[in-house]
Structures are given as C-alpha cells and as structure tokens.
Amino acid sequence: MSDVQVQLQPGGYYHIYNHAVGTDKLFEKEKDYLYFLSKLKTHVLPVSEIISYCLIPNHFHLVVRIKSFAEVEEFLKNKFGEEKFKKKKTADSYFLSQQISKQYSNLFNTFSKHINFWKGRTGTLFKRNFRRKEIQDMAYLLRLISYIHQNPIDAGLVSQAQQWKYSSYAALLSDKPTLIPRKEIIDLFGGLENLKYFHLKRTEIQID
C-alpha cells in the first residue's frame, strides 16, 4: 500500500515518489537536477541511506532505508538539544517518525520554492503530498530498483539505463563518489554482472 499516512520508521525500507502537477516539469535544466540532489544530501542523508534514485523531468523515485533508532535519535539530539529532544520524544510516541517525514517534507518544500523562484511561478509544484510505500520483501526491492532505473527508457529519454545521468544506475557502474552504498547494492544482486543482466529485463510494477 502506498499512502501519505504510512509512518517512516527507523530501519525500514521505503519507496518514496511524487509527480509534478499537471503538465509542469520538476526538472528542466541540469541545475534543477543538481539542486535536488544537493538538497537530498542536506535533508535526507542525516536520517536515511539512499538505496537508489531516479529523477526524470516530471517525476522522481527514491528507494531509501531509514537509519537505525540510535542514528536518528543522535541526529535529533544534535538538532534540538538533548533536553528538548527528551521532552518531545516523551510527549509524542510518533515523534521520531514525524521528524523523519519532516526531513523529506523540508527537501520537497525547499525544492518547490527554488523552482518557483527561478521560473517566476506560484502555487503547488507537486501533484500531491509525497507518496511512500514500505518495502518488506527483498525480491520486490530488487525489482523496484530495476524498475525505477528503467524509467528514463520508458519515458523515451534514453535507449539504455546507464545513459541517464540523473539516476543511481550509472553510479552503480562507476567508481566515482556516489550517494548510494554501491557495494551493498551490487551484492544484493549477486554481483555486478548479475545486476547488469537483471536490468536488461523489462520490469513492470504498478505505481499509483
């Protein structure tokens, strides 16, 4: 189930995605993609690991693993101060989950303001609040990673997944610094050659 009410919990895997409103585009120029990725580092990496991502002109996909309770709590202690953190956590049993979601909301709000400013537009940029789906099956996780890496092919932007600069697939095939835990992802597929082979197969997943 994909639902904005799904709680982002420490240690969980999630598919997070959204679409531009109407026929608008989220990304038109390279600087738009790079700005989003830079803010992904700022807002999301403190609470999550990026397992894979794909940005295309009118929508994006992220596959993330929320960091452990200890890591999230340490981040929030540094953010609020230890005493304030303890009070907030005690007062609200959903505090950690809410703060994790807020990090994502901050990313999307910051990006929206940036795009609206540079385009001279007003109003909503995204079609809806960001969607999130919990991933509990590792076989599904592999299919999902392949599916989102194939998005640029499905959109007619490239003929091969590795040709698209704004996804994690090219990063998996490279040795350059990247946002994602490259070795871990390659190992999930059973090695680099298996990963490449898996990505050659067309993957269909129903996304609402």
C-alpha atoms as a PDB file:
ATOM      1  CA  MET A   1       0.000   0.000   0.000  1.00  0.00           C
ATOM      2  CA  SER A   2       1.185   3.496  -0.857  1.00  0.00           C
ATOM      3  CA  ASP A   3      -0.123   6.158   1.471  1.00  0.00           C
ATOM      4  CA  VAL A   4       0.954   9.521   2.812  1.00  0.00           C
ATOM      5  CA  GLN A   5      -0.075   8.187   6.231  1.00  0.00           C
ATOM      6  CA  VAL A   6       2.493   5.357   6.193  1.00  0.00           C
ATOM      7  CA  GLN A   7       4.909   6.030   9.044  1.00  0.00           C
ATOM      8  CA  LEU A   8       8.596   6.217   8.178  1.00  0.00           C
ATOM      9  CA  GLN A   9      10.211   4.068  10.836  1.00  0.00           C
ATOM     10  CA  PRO A  10      13.901   3.610  11.703  1.00  0.00           C
ATOM     11  CA  GLY A  11      15.382   0.596   9.926  1.00  0.00           C
ATOM     12  CA  GLY A  12      12.585   0.381   7.345  1.00  0.00           C
ATOM     13  CA  TYR A  13      12.893   0.388   3.555  1.00  0.00           C
ATOM     14  CA  TYR A  14      10.574   2.721   1.625  1.00  0.00           C
ATOM     15  CA  HIS A  15       9.739   3.731  -1.911  1.00  0.00           C
ATOM     16  CA  ILE A  16       9.181   7.485  -1.973  1.00  0.00           C
ATOM     17  CA  TYR A  17       7.969   9.256  -5.084  1.00  0.00           C
ATOM     18  CA  ASN A  18       5.987  12.158  -6.497  1.00  0.00           C
ATOM     19  CA  HIS A  19       4.929  13.782  -9.772  1.00  0.00           C
ATOM     20  CA  ALA A  20       4.722  17.360 -10.983  1.00  0.00           C
ATOM     21  CA  VAL A  21       1.277  18.921 -11.038  1.00  0.00           C
ATOM     22  CA  GLY A  22      -0.479  18.841 -14.421  1.00  0.00           C
ATOM     23  CA  THR A  23       1.924  19.128 -17.350  1.00  0.00           C
ATOM     24  CA  ASP A  24       4.562  21.021 -15.374  1.00  0.00           C
ATOM     25  CA  LYS A  25       8.093  19.723 -15.022  1.00  0.00           C
ATOM     26  CA  LEU A  26      10.154  19.329 -11.893  1.00  0.00           C
ATOM     27  CA  PHE A  27      13.440  19.297 -13.775  1.00  0.00           C
ATOM     28  CA  GLU A  28      14.164  21.178 -16.997  1.00  0.00           C
ATOM     29  CA  LYS A  29      17.842  22.052 -16.783  1.00  0.00           C
ATOM     30  CA  GLU A  30      20.830  20.282 -15.316  1.00  0.00           C
ATOM     31  CA  LYS A  31      20.945  22.771 -12.454  1.00  0.00           C
ATOM     32  CA  ASP A  32      17.452  21.633 -11.370  1.00  0.00           C
ATOM     33  CA  TYR A  33      18.594  18.018 -11.064  1.00  0.00           C
ATOM     34  CA  LEU A  34      21.789  19.013  -9.282  1.00  0.00           C
ATOM     35  CA  TYR A  35      19.918  21.275  -6.867  1.00  0.00           C
ATOM     36  CA  PHE A  36      17.544  18.458  -5.926  1.00  0.00           C
ATOM     37  CA  LEU A  37      20.454  16.072  -5.360  1.00  0.00           C
ATOM     38  CA  SER A  38      22.282  18.640  -3.240  1.00  0.00           C
ATOM     39  CA  LYS A  39      19.231  19.117  -1.024  1.00  0.00           C
ATOM     40  CA  LEU A  40      18.795  15.360  -0.857  1.00  0.00           C
ATOM     41  CA  LYS A  41      22.191  15.290   0.835  1.00  0.00           C
ATOM     42  CA  THR A  42      21.234  18.117   3.187  1.00  0.00           C
ATOM     43  CA  HIS A  43      17.812  16.915   4.312  1.00  0.00           C
ATOM     44  CA  VAL A  44      17.574  13.172   3.679  1.00  0.00           C
ATOM     45  CA  LEU A  45      21.025  11.716   4.295  1.00  0.00           C
ATOM     46  CA  PRO A  46      21.006  12.645   8.002  1.00  0.00           C
ATOM     47  CA  VAL A  47      18.095  10.220   8.561  1.00  0.00           C
ATOM     48  CA  SER A  48      18.284   7.814   5.611  1.00  0.00           C
ATOM     49  CA  GLU A  49      20.504   5.878   3.279  1.00  0.00           C
ATOM     50  CA  ILE A  50      19.694   6.311  -0.407  1.00  0.00           C
ATOM     51  CA  ILE A  51      19.432   2.830  -1.911  1.00  0.00           C
ATOM     52  CA  SER A  52      18.566   4.065  -5.395  1.00  0.00           C
ATOM     53  CA  TYR A  53      17.063   7.080  -7.130  1.00  0.00           C
ATOM     54  CA  CYS A  54      15.872   8.298 -10.499  1.00  0.00           C
ATOM     55  CA  LEU A  55      14.916  11.829 -11.490  1.00  0.00           C
ATOM     56  CA  ILE A  56      13.213  12.486 -14.812  1.00  0.00           C
ATOM     57  CA  PRO A  57      11.566  15.718 -15.985  1.00  0.00           C
ATOM     58  CA  ASN A  58       8.092  15.263 -14.494  1.00  0.00           C
ATOM     59  CA  HIS A  59       8.649  12.923 -11.536  1.00  0.00           C
ATOM     60  CA  PHE A  60      11.138  11.224  -9.240  1.00  0.00           C
ATOM     61  CA  HIS A  61      11.636   7.954  -7.370  1.00  0.00           C
ATOM     62  CA  LEU A  62      13.700   7.311  -4.249  1.00  0.00           C
ATOM     63  CA  VAL A  63      14.325   3.975  -2.561  1.00  0.00           C
ATOM     64  CA  VAL A  64      15.596   4.594   0.951  1.00  0.00           C
ATOM     65  CA  ARG A  65      16.453   2.798   4.131  1.00  0.00           C
ATOM     66  CA  ILE A  66      15.778   4.841   7.240  1.00  0.00           C
ATOM     67  CA  LYS A  67      18.743   4.843   9.605  1.00  0.00           C
ATOM     68  CA  SER A  68      18.674   2.993  12.914  1.00  0.00           C
ATOM     69  CA  PHE A  69      16.906   4.283  16.042  1.00  0.00           C
ATOM     70  CA  ALA A  70      20.261   5.211  17.558  1.00  0.00           C
ATOM     71  CA  GLU A  71      21.372   7.159  14.461  1.00  0.00           C
ATOM     72  CA  VAL A  72      18.065   9.011  14.095  1.00  0.00           C
ATOM     73  CA  GLU A  73      17.985   9.842  17.800  1.00  0.00           C
ATOM     74  CA  GLU A  74      21.564  11.134  17.696  1.00  0.00           C
ATOM     75  CA  PHE A  75      20.689  13.412  14.766  1.00  0.00           C
ATOM     76  CA  LEU A  76      17.618  14.759  16.566  1.00  0.00           C
ATOM     77  CA  LYS A  77      19.536  15.309  19.803  1.00  0.00           C
ATOM     78  CA  ASN A  78      22.008  17.429  17.870  1.00  0.00           C
ATOM     79  CA  LYS A  79      19.170  19.242  16.130  1.00  0.00           C
ATOM     80  CA  PHE A  80      17.039  20.057  19.196  1.00  0.00           C
ATOM     81  CA  GLY A  81      19.448  19.680  22.080  1.00  0.00           C
ATOM     82  CA  GLU A  82      19.284  16.662  24.383  1.00  0.00           C
ATOM     83  CA  GLU A  83      16.816  18.025  26.945  1.00  0.00           C
ATOM     84  CA  LYS A  84      14.356  19.357  24.385  1.00  0.00           C
ATOM     85  CA  PHE A  85      14.640  16.103  22.426  1.00  0.00           C
ATOM     86  CA  LYS A  86      13.804  14.016  25.525  1.00  0.00           C
ATOM     87  CA  LYS A  87      10.722  16.140  26.288  1.00  0.00           C
ATOM     88  CA  LYS A  88       9.425  15.947  22.739  1.00  0.00           C
ATOM     89  CA  LYS A  89      10.021  12.206  22.491  1.00  0.00           C
ATOM     90  CA  THR A  90       8.301  11.576  25.825  1.00  0.00           C
ATOM     91  CA  ALA A  91       5.296  13.707  24.882  1.00  0.00           C
ATOM     92  CA  ASP A  92       4.717  12.099  21.474  1.00  0.00           C
ATOM     93  CA  SER A  93       5.182   8.407  20.690  1.00  0.00           C
ATOM     94  CA  TYR A  94       5.250   9.249  16.960  1.00  0.00           C
ATOM     95  CA  PHE A  95       7.914  11.914  17.368  1.00  0.00           C
ATOM     96  CA  LEU A  96      10.739  10.046  15.597  1.00  0.00           C
ATOM     97  CA  SER A  97       8.569   9.121  12.634  1.00  0.00           C
ATOM     98  CA  GLN A  98       7.206  12.645  12.336  1.00  0.00           C
ATOM     99  CA  GLN A  99      10.687  14.136  12.381  1.00  0.00           C
ATOM    100  CA  ILE A 100      11.903  11.703   9.726  1.00  0.00           C
ATOM    101  CA  SER A 101       8.958  12.659   7.495  1.00  0.00           C
ATOM    102  CA  LYS A 102       9.674  16.327   8.152  1.00  0.00           C
ATOM    103  CA  GLN A 103      13.171  15.925   6.738  1.00  0.00           C
ATOM    104  CA  TYR A 104      11.602  14.749   3.476  1.00  0.00           C
ATOM    105  CA  SER A 105       8.984  17.499   3.541  1.00  0.00           C
ATOM    106  CA  ASN A 106      11.771  20.046   4.027  1.00  0.00           C
ATOM    107  CA  LEU A 107      13.502  18.689   0.921  1.00  0.00           C
ATOM    108  CA  PHE A 108      10.403  18.996  -1.237  1.00  0.00           C
ATOM    109  CA  ASN A 109       9.398  22.404   0.140  1.00  0.00           C
ATOM    110  CA  THR A 110      12.890  23.788  -0.402  1.00  0.00           C
ATOM    111  CA  PHE A 111      12.962  22.428  -3.938  1.00  0.00           C
ATOM    112  CA  SER A 112       9.493  23.828  -4.736  1.00  0.00           C
ATOM    113  CA  LYS A 113      10.461  27.299  -3.551  1.00  0.00           C
ATOM    114  CA  HIS A 114      13.635  27.140  -5.622  1.00  0.00           C
ATOM    115  CA  ILE A 115      11.815  26.126  -8.823  1.00  0.00           C
ATOM    116  CA  ASN A 116       9.006  28.656  -8.289  1.00  0.00           C
ATOM    117  CA  PHE A 117      11.545  31.431  -7.789  1.00  0.00           C
ATOM    118  CA  TRP A 118      13.601  30.629 -10.879  1.00  0.00           C
ATOM    119  CA  LYS A 119      10.553  30.084 -13.088  1.00  0.00           C
ATOM    120  CA  GLY A 120       8.614  33.012 -11.694  1.00  0.00           C
ATOM    121  CA  ARG A 121       5.707  30.735 -10.922  1.00  0.00           C
ATOM    122  CA  THR A 122       3.436  30.402  -7.908  1.00  0.00           C
ATOM    123  CA  GLY A 123       1.372  27.612  -6.414  1.00  0.00           C
ATOM    124  CA  THR A 124       1.855  23.908  -5.980  1.00  0.00           C
ATOM    125  CA  LEU A 125       4.693  22.228  -7.843  1.00  0.00           C
ATOM    126  CA  PHE A 126       3.962  18.649  -6.816  1.00  0.00           C
ATOM    127  CA  LYS A 127       0.787  16.760  -7.692  1.00  0.00           C
ATOM    128  CA  ARG A 128       0.197  15.744  -4.060  1.00  0.00           C
ATOM    129  CA  ASN A 129       1.967  15.112  -0.785  1.00  0.00           C
ATOM    130  CA  PHE A 130       4.863  12.749  -1.271  1.00  0.00           C
ATOM    131  CA  ARG A 131       3.891   9.111  -1.545  1.00  0.00           C
ATOM    132  CA  ARG A 132       5.598   6.402   0.454  1.00  0.00           C
ATOM    133  CA  LYS A 133       5.337   2.622   0.327  1.00  0.00           C
ATOM    134  CA  GLU A 134       7.033   0.312   2.810  1.00  0.00           C
ATOM    135  CA  ILE A 135       9.160  -2.433   1.233  1.00  0.00           C
ATOM    136  CA  GLN A 136       9.177  -5.669   3.195  1.00  0.00           C
ATOM    137  CA  ASP A 137      10.191  -8.156   0.518  1.00  0.00           C
ATOM    138  CA  MET A 138      13.781  -8.206  -0.809  1.00  0.00           C
ATOM    139  CA  ALA A 139      12.735  -9.738  -4.139  1.00  0.00           C
ATOM    140  CA  TYR A 140      10.367  -6.800  -4.613  1.00  0.00           C
ATOM    141  CA  LEU A 141      13.177  -4.417  -3.639  1.00  0.00           C
ATOM    142  CA  LEU A 142      15.362  -5.727  -6.483  1.00  0.00           C
ATOM    143  CA  ARG A 143      12.503  -5.432  -8.982  1.00  0.00           C
ATOM    144  CA  LEU A 144      11.752  -1.916  -7.779  1.00  0.00           C
ATOM    145  CA  ILE A 145      15.357  -0.775  -8.141  1.00  0.00           C
ATOM    146  CA  SER A 146      15.412  -2.130 -11.686  1.00  0.00           C
ATOM    147  CA  TYR A 147      12.017  -0.574 -12.454  1.00  0.00           C
ATOM    148  CA  ILE A 148      12.993   2.941 -11.419  1.00  0.00           C
ATOM    149  CA  HIS A 149      16.301   2.714 -13.289  1.00  0.00           C
ATOM    150  CA  GLN A 150      14.302   1.846 -16.426  1.00  0.00           C
ATOM    151  CA  ASN A 151      12.065   4.925 -16.092  1.00  0.00           C
ATOM    152  CA  PRO A 152      14.169   7.071 -18.467  1.00  0.00           C
ATOM    153  CA  ILE A 153      13.855   4.350 -21.131  1.00  0.00           C
ATOM    154  CA  ASP A 154      10.087   4.162 -20.660  1.00  0.00           C
ATOM    155  CA  ALA A 155       9.909   7.952 -20.971  1.00  0.00           C
ATOM    156  CA  GLY A 156      11.829   7.867 -24.262  1.00  0.00           C
ATOM    157  CA  LEU A 157      14.739   9.868 -22.862  1.00  0.00           C
ATOM    158  CA  VAL A 158      17.450   7.258 -23.495  1.00  0.00           C
ATOM    159  CA  SER A 159      17.740   3.795 -25.003  1.00  0.00           C
ATOM    160  CA  GLN A 160      19.818   2.321 -22.170  1.00  0.00           C
ATOM    161  CA  ALA A 161      19.511   2.902 -18.427  1.00  0.00           C
ATOM    162  CA  GLN A 162      23.190   3.737 -17.977  1.00  0.00           C
ATOM    163  CA  GLN A 163      22.867   6.666 -20.400  1.00  0.00           C
ATOM    164  CA  TRP A 164      20.709   8.651 -17.973  1.00  0.00           C
ATOM    165  CA  LYS A 165      22.850  10.874 -15.742  1.00  0.00           C
ATOM    166  CA  TYR A 166      20.264  11.504 -13.052  1.00  0.00           C
ATOM    167  CA  SER A 167      19.749   8.020 -11.679  1.00  0.00           C
ATOM    168  CA  SER A 168      21.770   5.754  -9.443  1.00  0.00           C
ATOM    169  CA  TYR A 169      22.251   3.112 -12.146  1.00  0.00           C
ATOM    170  CA  ALA A 170      25.143   4.941 -13.799  1.00  0.00           C
ATOM    171  CA  ALA A 171      26.643   5.382 -10.326  1.00  0.00           C
ATOM    172  CA  LEU A 172      26.472   1.611  -9.749  1.00  0.00           C
ATOM    173  CA  LEU A 173      28.569   1.029 -12.862  1.00  0.00           C
ATOM    174  CA  SER A 174      31.102   3.708 -11.943  1.00  0.00           C
ATOM    175  CA  ASP A 175      33.817   4.046  -9.325  1.00  0.00           C
ATOM    176  CA  LYS A 176      33.157   7.745  -8.739  1.00  0.00           C
ATOM    177  CA  PRO A 177      31.843   9.039  -5.378  1.00  0.00           C
ATOM    178  CA  THR A 178      28.097   8.499  -5.029  1.00  0.00           C
ATOM    179  CA  LEU A 179      25.176   8.969  -2.636  1.00  0.00           C
ATOM    180  CA  ILE A 180      24.378   5.270  -2.587  1.00  0.00           C
ATOM    181  CA  PRO A 181      26.054   2.297  -0.840  1.00  0.00           C
ATOM    182  CA  ARG A 182      27.364   0.907  -4.144  1.00  0.00           C
ATOM    183  CA  LYS A 183      28.923  -2.344  -2.928  1.00  0.00           C
ATOM    184  CA  GLU A 184      25.874  -3.242  -0.831  1.00  0.00           C
ATOM    185  CA  ILE A 185      23.510  -2.795  -3.799  1.00  0.00           C
ATOM    186  CA  ILE A 186      25.739  -4.761  -6.160  1.00  0.00           C
ATOM    187  CA  ASP A 187      25.956  -7.551  -3.578  1.00  0.00           C
ATOM    188  CA  LEU A 188      22.145  -7.610  -3.265  1.00  0.00           C
ATOM    189  CA  PHE A 189      22.001  -8.533  -6.955  1.00  0.00           C
ATOM    190  CA  GLY A 190      24.708 -11.166  -6.542  1.00  0.00           C
ATOM    191  CA  GLY A 191      27.477  -9.214  -8.269  1.00  0.00           C
ATOM    192  CA  LEU A 192      27.900  -6.583 -10.961  1.00  0.00           C
ATOM    193  CA  GLU A 193      27.263  -8.885 -13.929  1.00  0.00           C
ATOM    194  CA  ASN A 194      24.043 -10.184 -12.368  1.00  0.00           C
ATOM    195  CA  LEU A 195      22.958  -6.610 -11.698  1.00  0.00           C
ATOM    196  CA  LYS A 196      23.524  -5.674 -15.347  1.00  0.00           C
ATOM    197  CA  TYR A 197      21.652  -8.767 -16.535  1.00  0.00           C
ATOM    198  CA  PHE A 198      18.740  -8.061 -14.185  1.00  0.00           C
ATOM    199  CA  HIS A 199      18.450  -4.536 -15.595  1.00  0.00           C
ATOM    200  CA  LEU A 200      18.207  -5.814 -19.164  1.00  0.00           C
ATOM    201  CA  LYS A 201      14.858  -7.448 -18.367  1.00  0.00           C
ATOM    202  CA  ARG A 202      11.825  -5.186 -18.606  1.00  0.00           C
ATOM    203  CA  THR A 203      10.309  -4.770 -15.145  1.00  0.00           C
ATOM    204  CA  GLU A 204       6.686  -3.795 -14.642  1.00  0.00           C
ATOM    205  CA  ILE A 205       5.409  -2.524 -11.307  1.00  0.00           C
ATOM    206  CA  GLN A 206       2.042  -0.879 -10.698  1.00  0.00           C
ATOM    207  CA  ILE A 207       2.575   2.572  -9.197  1.00  0.00           C
ATOM    208  CA  ASP A 208      -0.464   4.604  -8.168  1.00  0.00           C
END
